[in-house]
């Protein structure tokens, strides 16, 4: 079982979710939102870095998975989002964690079964997969979806000599 930290980055709210997974079954360990209110953007990035580092220190994940930036209508917002991602990634790298990145479409496809799923569908499936009974904040749900997507996308290592399709591996 691997301990995976999923991050849904944002310059004001960054969601995080920690799961334990063997690749087919996953369980919820922790999740929440990092909310930064400082008006100085550089200070917000520093706070994202510090709080992601604190989550890493507390839950000791083995890997970090993070959503890639997408450009919607506002390029300035996309740049800020990219910088928030960078702060979270740096916290993981400083802690020695490998980092994997996934597009929003890949995450939705992995968790819901369609790349065009909406936030309500993602939350529903996250809660179902992880057995969570309470409502989740959108950023929290998205972060857990990133972690689940990572858990499902990593190929499981088979012992040497395992037969696959009649051929020895």
N, C-alpha and C. Protein backbone atom coordinates (compact mmCIF):
# COMPACT_ATOMS: atom_id res chain seq x y z
N UNK A 1 0.84 -1.18 0.00
CA UNK A 1 0.00 0.00 0.00
C UNK A 1 0.89 1.25 0.00
N UNK A 2 0.53 2.15 -0.89
CA UNK A 2 1.30 3.40 -0.99
C UNK A 2 0.50 4.55 -0.40
N UNK A 3 1.19 5.47 0.21
CA UNK A 3 0.58 6.68 0.75
C UNK A 3 0.82 7.78 -0.27
N UNK A 4 -0.26 8.32 -0.82
CA UNK A 4 -0.18 9.29 -1.92
C UNK A 4 -0.83 10.60 -1.49
N UNK A 5 -0.15 11.70 -1.76
CA UNK A 5 -0.69 13.03 -1.53
C UNK A 5 -1.10 13.62 -2.86
N UNK A 6 -2.38 13.97 -2.98
CA UNK A 6 -2.89 14.64 -4.17
C UNK A 6 -3.07 16.11 -3.88
N UNK A 7 -2.74 16.95 -4.85
CA UNK A 7 -2.85 18.41 -4.69
C UNK A 7 -3.66 18.99 -5.83
N UNK A 8 -4.65 19.81 -5.47
CA UNK A 8 -5.40 20.63 -6.42
C UNK A 8 -4.96 22.06 -6.14
N UNK A 9 -4.02 22.59 -6.92
CA UNK A 9 -3.41 23.88 -6.59
C UNK A 9 -4.33 25.07 -6.87
N UNK A 10 -4.14 26.12 -6.09
CA UNK A 10 -4.83 27.37 -6.29
C UNK A 10 -4.07 28.47 -5.58
N UNK A 11 -4.18 29.69 -6.08
CA UNK A 11 -3.43 30.78 -5.45
C UNK A 11 -4.11 31.29 -4.18
N UNK A 12 -5.39 30.97 -3.98
CA UNK A 12 -6.11 31.34 -2.75
C UNK A 12 -6.51 30.10 -1.94
N UNK A 13 -6.91 29.03 -2.63
CA UNK A 13 -7.30 27.78 -1.96
C UNK A 13 -6.61 26.63 -2.68
N UNK A 14 -5.84 25.87 -1.94
CA UNK A 14 -5.17 24.68 -2.46
C UNK A 14 -5.74 23.47 -1.72
N UNK A 15 -6.33 22.56 -2.47
CA UNK A 15 -6.87 21.35 -1.85
C UNK A 15 -5.78 20.30 -1.72
N UNK A 16 -5.89 19.48 -0.67
CA UNK A 16 -4.97 18.35 -0.52
C UNK A 16 -5.76 17.13 -0.08
N UNK A 17 -5.27 15.97 -0.47
CA UNK A 17 -5.89 14.72 -0.08
C UNK A 17 -4.83 13.64 0.04
N UNK A 18 -4.87 12.91 1.12
CA UNK A 18 -3.91 11.83 1.35
C UNK A 18 -4.69 10.52 1.37
N UNK A 19 -4.27 9.59 0.54
CA UNK A 19 -4.91 8.28 0.49
C UNK A 19 -3.87 7.18 0.67
N UNK A 20 -4.35 6.03 1.02
CA UNK A 20 -3.55 4.82 1.07
C UNK A 20 -4.12 3.92 -0.01
N UNK A 21 -3.27 3.41 -0.93
CA UNK A 21 -3.79 2.64 -2.05
C UNK A 21 -2.84 1.53 -2.46
N UNK A 22 -3.45 0.43 -2.93
CA UNK A 22 -2.66 -0.65 -3.52
C UNK A 22 -2.81 -0.65 -5.04
N UNK A 23 -3.48 0.38 -5.58
CA UNK A 23 -3.68 0.48 -7.01
C UNK A 23 -5.09 0.11 -7.44
N UNK A 24 -5.74 -0.75 -6.65
CA UNK A 24 -7.12 -1.10 -6.98
C UNK A 24 -8.08 -0.70 -5.86
N UNK A 25 -7.60 -0.74 -4.63
CA UNK A 25 -8.40 -0.30 -3.48
C UNK A 25 -7.70 0.87 -2.82
N UNK A 26 -8.50 1.87 -2.45
CA UNK A 26 -7.94 3.07 -1.82
C UNK A 26 -8.75 3.43 -0.60
N UNK A 27 -8.08 4.02 0.38
CA UNK A 27 -8.78 4.51 1.57
C UNK A 27 -8.32 5.93 1.89
N UNK A 28 -9.22 6.69 2.47
CA UNK A 28 -9.00 8.09 2.81
C UNK A 28 -8.25 8.19 4.13
N UNK A 29 -7.14 8.95 4.13
CA UNK A 29 -6.41 9.19 5.37
C UNK A 29 -6.66 10.59 5.89
N UNK A 30 -6.60 11.58 5.00
CA UNK A 30 -6.79 12.98 5.40
C UNK A 30 -7.05 13.82 4.17
N UNK A 31 -7.73 14.93 4.38
CA UNK A 31 -7.93 15.87 3.28
C UNK A 31 -8.39 17.20 3.85
N UNK A 32 -8.24 18.23 3.04
CA UNK A 32 -8.65 19.55 3.48
C UNK A 32 -8.26 20.61 2.48
N UNK A 33 -8.34 21.84 2.92
CA UNK A 33 -8.01 22.98 2.06
C UNK A 33 -7.03 23.89 2.77
N UNK A 34 -6.04 24.31 2.06
CA UNK A 34 -5.09 25.31 2.52
C UNK A 34 -5.61 26.65 2.00
N UNK A 35 -6.03 27.52 2.91
CA UNK A 35 -6.58 28.82 2.51
C UNK A 35 -5.57 29.90 2.88
N UNK A 36 -5.17 30.68 1.88
CA UNK A 36 -4.24 31.78 2.12
C UNK A 36 -4.96 33.09 1.82
N UNK A 37 -4.80 34.06 2.70
CA UNK A 37 -5.55 35.31 2.58
C UNK A 37 -4.66 36.53 2.37
N UNK A 38 -3.37 36.38 2.53
CA UNK A 38 -2.47 37.52 2.38
C UNK A 38 -2.64 38.14 1.00
N UNK A 39 -2.67 39.44 0.92
CA UNK A 39 -2.83 40.11 -0.38
C UNK A 39 -1.54 40.12 -1.19
N UNK A 40 -0.40 40.01 -0.52
CA UNK A 40 0.88 39.97 -1.24
C UNK A 40 1.06 38.58 -1.86
N UNK A 41 1.14 38.53 -3.19
CA UNK A 41 1.17 37.24 -3.88
C UNK A 41 2.38 36.39 -3.48
N UNK A 42 3.54 37.01 -3.35
CA UNK A 42 4.74 36.26 -2.96
C UNK A 42 4.54 35.62 -1.58
N UNK A 43 3.88 36.33 -0.67
CA UNK A 43 3.61 35.79 0.66
C UNK A 43 2.63 34.61 0.58
N UNK A 44 1.66 34.70 -0.31
CA UNK A 44 0.72 33.58 -0.49
C UNK A 44 1.46 32.34 -0.97
N UNK A 45 2.39 32.53 -1.93
CA UNK A 45 3.17 31.39 -2.43
C UNK A 45 3.99 30.76 -1.31
N UNK A 46 4.59 31.61 -0.48
CA UNK A 46 5.36 31.10 0.66
C UNK A 46 4.50 30.32 1.62
N UNK A 47 3.28 30.78 1.84
CA UNK A 47 2.36 30.09 2.74
C UNK A 47 1.92 28.75 2.15
N UNK A 48 1.68 28.71 0.84
CA UNK A 48 1.34 27.43 0.19
C UNK A 48 2.50 26.45 0.38
N UNK A 49 3.72 26.91 0.13
CA UNK A 49 4.90 26.06 0.32
C UNK A 49 4.95 25.52 1.75
N UNK A 50 4.82 26.42 2.74
CA UNK A 50 4.93 26.00 4.14
C UNK A 50 3.82 25.02 4.54
N UNK A 51 2.60 25.30 4.09
CA UNK A 51 1.50 24.42 4.50
C UNK A 51 1.53 23.07 3.80
N UNK A 52 1.95 23.03 2.54
CA UNK A 52 2.12 21.73 1.87
C UNK A 52 3.25 20.96 2.56
N UNK A 53 4.32 21.65 2.90
CA UNK A 53 5.43 21.00 3.63
C UNK A 53 4.94 20.44 4.96
N UNK A 54 4.05 21.15 5.64
CA UNK A 54 3.51 20.67 6.92
C UNK A 54 2.64 19.42 6.71
N UNK A 55 1.85 19.40 5.64
CA UNK A 55 1.04 18.21 5.33
C UNK A 55 1.96 17.02 5.04
N UNK A 56 3.02 17.26 4.28
CA UNK A 56 3.99 16.20 3.98
C UNK A 56 4.63 15.68 5.27
N UNK A 57 5.02 16.59 6.15
CA UNK A 57 5.65 16.18 7.42
C UNK A 57 4.69 15.40 8.30
N UNK A 58 3.42 15.81 8.33
CA UNK A 58 2.45 15.15 9.20
C UNK A 58 2.04 13.77 8.69
N UNK A 59 1.76 13.64 7.38
CA UNK A 59 1.20 12.40 6.86
C UNK A 59 2.22 11.50 6.16
N UNK A 60 3.42 11.99 5.93
CA UNK A 60 4.52 11.22 5.35
C UNK A 60 4.15 10.44 4.10
N UNK A 61 3.62 11.13 3.07
CA UNK A 61 3.32 10.41 1.83
C UNK A 61 4.60 9.96 1.14
N UNK A 62 4.47 8.96 0.30
CA UNK A 62 5.60 8.45 -0.46
C UNK A 62 5.71 9.11 -1.83
N UNK A 63 4.59 9.69 -2.30
CA UNK A 63 4.53 10.28 -3.64
C UNK A 63 3.57 11.46 -3.63
N UNK A 64 3.79 12.40 -4.55
CA UNK A 64 2.87 13.52 -4.72
C UNK A 64 2.35 13.51 -6.14
N UNK A 65 1.04 13.70 -6.27
CA UNK A 65 0.42 13.84 -7.58
C UNK A 65 -0.27 15.20 -7.59
N UNK A 66 -0.15 15.92 -8.70
CA UNK A 66 -0.68 17.28 -8.77
C UNK A 66 -1.34 17.52 -10.11
N UNK A 67 -2.38 18.33 -10.09
CA UNK A 67 -3.08 18.67 -11.33
C UNK A 67 -2.26 19.67 -12.13
N UNK A 68 -2.22 19.46 -13.44
CA UNK A 68 -1.52 20.39 -14.33
C UNK A 68 -2.36 21.64 -14.55
N UNK A 69 -1.69 22.70 -14.92
CA UNK A 69 -2.36 23.96 -15.20
C UNK A 69 -3.10 23.86 -16.53
N UNK A 70 -4.30 24.42 -16.56
CA UNK A 70 -5.01 24.55 -17.81
C UNK A 70 -5.30 26.03 -18.01
N UNK A 71 -5.30 26.49 -19.23
CA UNK A 71 -5.57 27.89 -19.53
C UNK A 71 -7.02 28.02 -19.96
N UNK A 72 -7.79 28.71 -19.16
CA UNK A 72 -9.20 28.93 -19.51
C UNK A 72 -9.30 30.27 -20.23
N UNK A 73 -10.04 31.20 -19.68
CA UNK A 73 -10.24 32.48 -20.34
C UNK A 73 -9.24 33.53 -19.91
N UNK A 74 -8.64 33.37 -18.75
CA UNK A 74 -7.79 34.41 -18.20
C UNK A 74 -6.35 33.94 -18.06
N UNK A 75 -5.46 34.38 -18.98
CA UNK A 75 -4.06 33.96 -18.90
C UNK A 75 -3.37 34.38 -17.59
N UNK A 76 -3.73 35.52 -17.02
CA UNK A 76 -3.12 35.96 -15.76
C UNK A 76 -3.45 34.99 -14.64
N UNK A 77 -4.69 34.49 -14.61
CA UNK A 77 -5.07 33.50 -13.60
C UNK A 77 -4.30 32.21 -13.79
N UNK A 78 -4.09 31.81 -15.03
CA UNK A 78 -3.33 30.59 -15.31
C UNK A 78 -1.89 30.73 -14.84
N UNK A 79 -1.30 31.90 -15.00
CA UNK A 79 0.06 32.12 -14.53
C UNK A 79 0.14 32.02 -13.01
N UNK A 80 -0.83 32.62 -12.31
CA UNK A 80 -0.85 32.54 -10.84
C UNK A 80 -1.04 31.10 -10.38
N UNK A 81 -1.90 30.39 -11.07
CA UNK A 81 -2.13 28.98 -10.74
C UNK A 81 -0.84 28.19 -10.93
N UNK A 82 -0.12 28.48 -12.01
CA UNK A 82 1.15 27.80 -12.26
C UNK A 82 2.17 28.07 -11.16
N UNK A 83 2.17 29.28 -10.66
CA UNK A 83 3.10 29.60 -9.58
C UNK A 83 2.70 28.91 -8.28
N UNK A 84 1.41 28.81 -8.02
CA UNK A 84 0.94 28.08 -6.84
C UNK A 84 1.33 26.60 -6.94
N UNK A 85 1.20 26.04 -8.14
CA UNK A 85 1.64 24.66 -8.38
C UNK A 85 3.11 24.52 -8.06
N UNK A 86 3.89 25.49 -8.54
CA UNK A 86 5.34 25.46 -8.31
C UNK A 86 5.68 25.45 -6.83
N UNK A 87 4.97 26.24 -6.03
CA UNK A 87 5.22 26.28 -4.59
C UNK A 87 4.93 24.91 -3.97
N UNK A 88 3.82 24.28 -4.38
CA UNK A 88 3.48 22.95 -3.85
C UNK A 88 4.49 21.90 -4.29
N UNK A 89 4.89 21.96 -5.56
CA UNK A 89 5.86 21.00 -6.08
C UNK A 89 7.19 21.15 -5.36
N UNK A 90 7.62 22.39 -5.12
CA UNK A 90 8.89 22.61 -4.41
C UNK A 90 8.85 22.02 -3.01
N UNK A 91 7.72 22.14 -2.32
CA UNK A 91 7.60 21.55 -0.98
C UNK A 91 7.79 20.04 -1.04
N UNK A 92 7.24 19.41 -2.07
CA UNK A 92 7.38 17.96 -2.22
C UNK A 92 8.81 17.57 -2.58
N UNK A 93 9.41 18.31 -3.50
CA UNK A 93 10.77 18.00 -3.94
C UNK A 93 11.76 18.17 -2.80
N UNK A 94 11.60 19.23 -2.00
CA UNK A 94 12.48 19.45 -0.85
C UNK A 94 12.38 18.27 0.12
N UNK A 95 11.18 17.68 0.23
CA UNK A 95 10.98 16.52 1.11
C UNK A 95 11.43 15.21 0.47
N UNK A 96 11.89 15.27 -0.78
CA UNK A 96 12.38 14.06 -1.45
C UNK A 96 11.30 13.21 -2.10
N UNK A 97 10.12 13.76 -2.32
CA UNK A 97 9.03 12.98 -2.93
C UNK A 97 9.08 13.03 -4.44
N UNK A 98 8.80 11.92 -5.10
CA UNK A 98 8.63 11.97 -6.56
C UNK A 98 7.30 12.67 -6.86
N UNK A 99 7.26 13.42 -7.96
CA UNK A 99 6.09 14.20 -8.33
C UNK A 99 5.58 13.73 -9.68
N UNK A 100 4.26 13.51 -9.76
CA UNK A 100 3.60 13.16 -11.02
C UNK A 100 2.52 14.19 -11.29
N UNK A 101 2.33 14.50 -12.58
CA UNK A 101 1.37 15.52 -12.98
C UNK A 101 0.31 14.91 -13.89
N UNK A 102 -0.95 15.37 -13.72
CA UNK A 102 -2.06 14.87 -14.50
C UNK A 102 -2.94 16.02 -14.97
N UNK A 103 -3.43 15.91 -16.19
CA UNK A 103 -4.35 16.93 -16.70
C UNK A 103 -5.71 16.74 -16.04
N UNK A 104 -6.51 17.80 -15.98
CA UNK A 104 -7.86 17.65 -15.43
C UNK A 104 -8.66 16.56 -16.16
N UNK A 105 -8.50 16.48 -17.46
CA UNK A 105 -9.23 15.47 -18.24
C UNK A 105 -8.81 14.05 -17.86
N UNK A 106 -7.51 13.84 -17.67
CA UNK A 106 -7.01 12.52 -17.26
C UNK A 106 -7.57 12.12 -15.90
N UNK A 107 -7.64 13.08 -14.98
CA UNK A 107 -8.14 12.82 -13.63
C UNK A 107 -9.60 12.42 -13.68
N UNK A 108 -10.41 13.21 -14.41
CA UNK A 108 -11.84 12.91 -14.52
C UNK A 108 -12.07 11.56 -15.20
N UNK A 109 -11.30 11.27 -16.22
CA UNK A 109 -11.42 9.99 -16.93
C UNK A 109 -11.13 8.83 -15.98
N UNK A 110 -10.09 8.97 -15.18
CA UNK A 110 -9.69 7.91 -14.27
C UNK A 110 -10.70 7.69 -13.15
N UNK A 111 -11.24 8.77 -12.61
CA UNK A 111 -12.12 8.66 -11.43
C UNK A 111 -13.58 8.44 -11.81
N UNK A 112 -14.06 9.15 -12.84
CA UNK A 112 -15.48 9.10 -13.20
C UNK A 112 -15.74 8.21 -14.40
N UNK A 113 -14.77 8.11 -15.29
CA UNK A 113 -14.95 7.32 -16.50
C UNK A 113 -15.19 8.16 -17.74
N UNK A 114 -15.27 9.48 -17.55
CA UNK A 114 -15.40 10.40 -18.68
C UNK A 114 -14.61 11.67 -18.39
N UNK A 115 -13.87 12.12 -19.37
CA UNK A 115 -13.03 13.31 -19.20
C UNK A 115 -13.81 14.61 -19.12
N UNK A 116 -15.11 14.56 -19.43
CA UNK A 116 -15.93 15.75 -19.38
C UNK A 116 -16.80 15.84 -18.14
N UNK A 117 -16.48 15.08 -17.10
CA UNK A 117 -17.30 15.06 -15.88
C UNK A 117 -17.29 16.43 -15.20
N UNK A 118 -18.40 16.73 -14.51
CA UNK A 118 -18.45 17.99 -13.76
C UNK A 118 -18.01 17.75 -12.31
N UNK A 119 -17.89 18.83 -11.54
CA UNK A 119 -17.38 18.73 -10.16
C UNK A 119 -18.27 17.85 -9.28
N UNK A 120 -19.59 17.90 -9.48
CA UNK A 120 -20.49 17.08 -8.67
C UNK A 120 -20.26 15.59 -8.94
N UNK A 121 -20.03 15.23 -10.20
CA UNK A 121 -19.77 13.83 -10.53
C UNK A 121 -18.45 13.37 -9.93
N UNK A 122 -17.43 14.24 -9.98
CA UNK A 122 -16.12 13.90 -9.40
C UNK A 122 -16.27 13.68 -7.90
N UNK A 123 -16.95 14.61 -7.22
CA UNK A 123 -17.12 14.47 -5.77
C UNK A 123 -17.87 13.18 -5.43
N UNK A 124 -18.93 12.89 -6.17
CA UNK A 124 -19.71 11.67 -5.92
C UNK A 124 -18.83 10.43 -6.01
N UNK A 125 -18.03 10.34 -7.07
CA UNK A 125 -17.19 9.15 -7.25
C UNK A 125 -16.06 9.09 -6.22
N UNK A 126 -15.48 10.23 -5.87
CA UNK A 126 -14.44 10.26 -4.84
C UNK A 126 -15.00 9.73 -3.53
N UNK A 127 -16.17 10.23 -3.15
CA UNK A 127 -16.80 9.78 -1.91
C UNK A 127 -17.11 8.29 -1.96
N UNK A 128 -17.56 7.83 -3.10
CA UNK A 128 -17.90 6.40 -3.25
C UNK A 128 -16.64 5.53 -3.19
N UNK A 129 -15.62 5.91 -3.94
CA UNK A 129 -14.38 5.12 -3.98
C UNK A 129 -13.73 5.04 -2.60
N UNK A 130 -13.74 6.15 -1.86
CA UNK A 130 -13.05 6.21 -0.58
C UNK A 130 -13.97 5.94 0.63
N UNK A 131 -15.26 5.74 0.38
CA UNK A 131 -16.19 5.46 1.48
C UNK A 131 -16.39 6.64 2.42
N UNK A 132 -16.43 7.84 1.87
CA UNK A 132 -16.62 9.05 2.67
C UNK A 132 -18.11 9.41 2.68
N UNK A 133 -18.66 9.61 3.88
CA UNK A 133 -20.08 9.88 4.02
C UNK A 133 -20.44 11.37 3.98
N UNK A 134 -19.50 12.24 4.28
CA UNK A 134 -19.82 13.67 4.36
C UNK A 134 -19.48 14.39 3.06
N UNK A 135 -20.08 15.57 2.89
CA UNK A 135 -19.82 16.40 1.72
C UNK A 135 -18.39 16.91 1.78
N UNK A 136 -17.77 17.05 0.62
CA UNK A 136 -16.40 17.55 0.53
C UNK A 136 -16.39 18.90 -0.16
N UNK A 137 -15.45 19.75 0.24
CA UNK A 137 -15.24 21.02 -0.47
C UNK A 137 -14.73 20.68 -1.86
N UNK A 138 -15.05 21.50 -2.87
CA UNK A 138 -14.61 21.19 -4.24
C UNK A 138 -13.09 20.99 -4.38
N UNK A 139 -12.29 21.83 -3.74
CA UNK A 139 -10.83 21.70 -3.86
C UNK A 139 -10.34 20.44 -3.15
N UNK A 140 -10.97 20.09 -2.05
CA UNK A 140 -10.64 18.87 -1.30
C UNK A 140 -10.97 17.64 -2.14
N UNK A 141 -12.16 17.63 -2.73
CA UNK A 141 -12.60 16.53 -3.58
C UNK A 141 -11.68 16.37 -4.78
N UNK A 142 -11.32 17.49 -5.41
CA UNK A 142 -10.43 17.45 -6.58
C UNK A 142 -9.06 16.91 -6.21
N UNK A 143 -8.54 17.29 -5.04
CA UNK A 143 -7.24 16.80 -4.61
C UNK A 143 -7.27 15.28 -4.38
N UNK A 144 -8.34 14.80 -3.77
CA UNK A 144 -8.48 13.35 -3.58
C UNK A 144 -8.59 12.65 -4.93
N UNK A 145 -9.28 13.28 -5.89
CA UNK A 145 -9.38 12.70 -7.23
C UNK A 145 -8.01 12.60 -7.89
N UNK A 146 -7.16 13.59 -7.68
CA UNK A 146 -5.79 13.55 -8.23
C UNK A 146 -5.04 12.36 -7.64
N UNK A 147 -5.16 12.17 -6.33
CA UNK A 147 -4.47 11.05 -5.68
C UNK A 147 -5.00 9.70 -6.18
N UNK A 148 -6.32 9.60 -6.32
CA UNK A 148 -6.93 8.36 -6.83
C UNK A 148 -6.47 8.09 -8.25
N UNK A 149 -6.46 9.12 -9.07
CA UNK A 149 -6.02 8.99 -10.46
C UNK A 149 -4.58 8.48 -10.52
N UNK A 150 -3.74 9.02 -9.67
CA UNK A 150 -2.34 8.57 -9.62
C UNK A 150 -2.26 7.11 -9.19
N UNK A 151 -3.03 6.75 -8.18
CA UNK A 151 -3.01 5.36 -7.70
C UNK A 151 -3.44 4.40 -8.79
N UNK A 152 -4.43 4.79 -9.60
CA UNK A 152 -4.94 3.92 -10.66
C UNK A 152 -4.05 3.89 -11.89
N UNK A 153 -3.26 4.94 -12.09
CA UNK A 153 -2.47 5.01 -13.32
C UNK A 153 -1.11 4.35 -13.21
N UNK A 154 -0.61 4.20 -12.01
CA UNK A 154 0.70 3.57 -11.85
C UNK A 154 0.59 2.08 -12.12
N UNK A 155 1.40 1.56 -13.01
CA UNK A 155 1.34 0.11 -13.25
C UNK A 155 1.80 -0.64 -12.00
N UNK A 156 1.07 -1.67 -11.69
CA UNK A 156 1.47 -2.49 -10.56
C UNK A 156 2.61 -3.40 -10.99
N UNK A 157 3.63 -3.46 -10.18
CA UNK A 157 4.78 -4.30 -10.51
C UNK A 157 4.44 -5.76 -10.22
N UNK A 158 4.69 -6.60 -11.20
CA UNK A 158 4.44 -8.03 -11.03
C UNK A 158 5.75 -8.73 -10.72
N UNK A 159 5.68 -9.77 -9.88
CA UNK A 159 6.90 -10.51 -9.58
C UNK A 159 7.48 -11.12 -10.86
N UNK A 160 8.80 -11.19 -10.91
CA UNK A 160 9.47 -11.78 -12.06
C UNK A 160 8.97 -13.21 -12.24
N UNK A 161 8.69 -13.56 -13.49
CA UNK A 161 8.23 -14.91 -13.79
C UNK A 161 6.72 -15.04 -13.88
N UNK A 162 5.99 -13.93 -13.61
CA UNK A 162 4.53 -13.96 -13.72
C UNK A 162 4.14 -14.15 -15.18
N UNK A 163 3.15 -15.01 -15.41
CA UNK A 163 2.66 -15.24 -16.77
C UNK A 163 1.66 -14.17 -17.15
N UNK A 164 1.86 -13.54 -18.31
CA UNK A 164 0.92 -12.54 -18.84
C UNK A 164 0.61 -12.95 -20.27
N UNK A 165 -0.65 -13.30 -20.53
CA UNK A 165 -1.05 -13.67 -21.88
C UNK A 165 -0.24 -14.82 -22.45
N UNK A 166 0.11 -15.77 -21.60
CA UNK A 166 0.85 -16.93 -22.08
C UNK A 166 2.34 -16.70 -22.22
N UNK A 167 2.81 -15.48 -21.91
CA UNK A 167 4.24 -15.18 -22.01
C UNK A 167 4.78 -14.86 -20.62
N UNK A 168 5.96 -15.39 -20.37
CA UNK A 168 6.60 -15.14 -19.08
C UNK A 168 7.22 -13.75 -19.08
N UNK A 169 6.98 -13.04 -18.00
CA UNK A 169 7.49 -11.68 -17.86
C UNK A 169 8.75 -11.68 -17.04
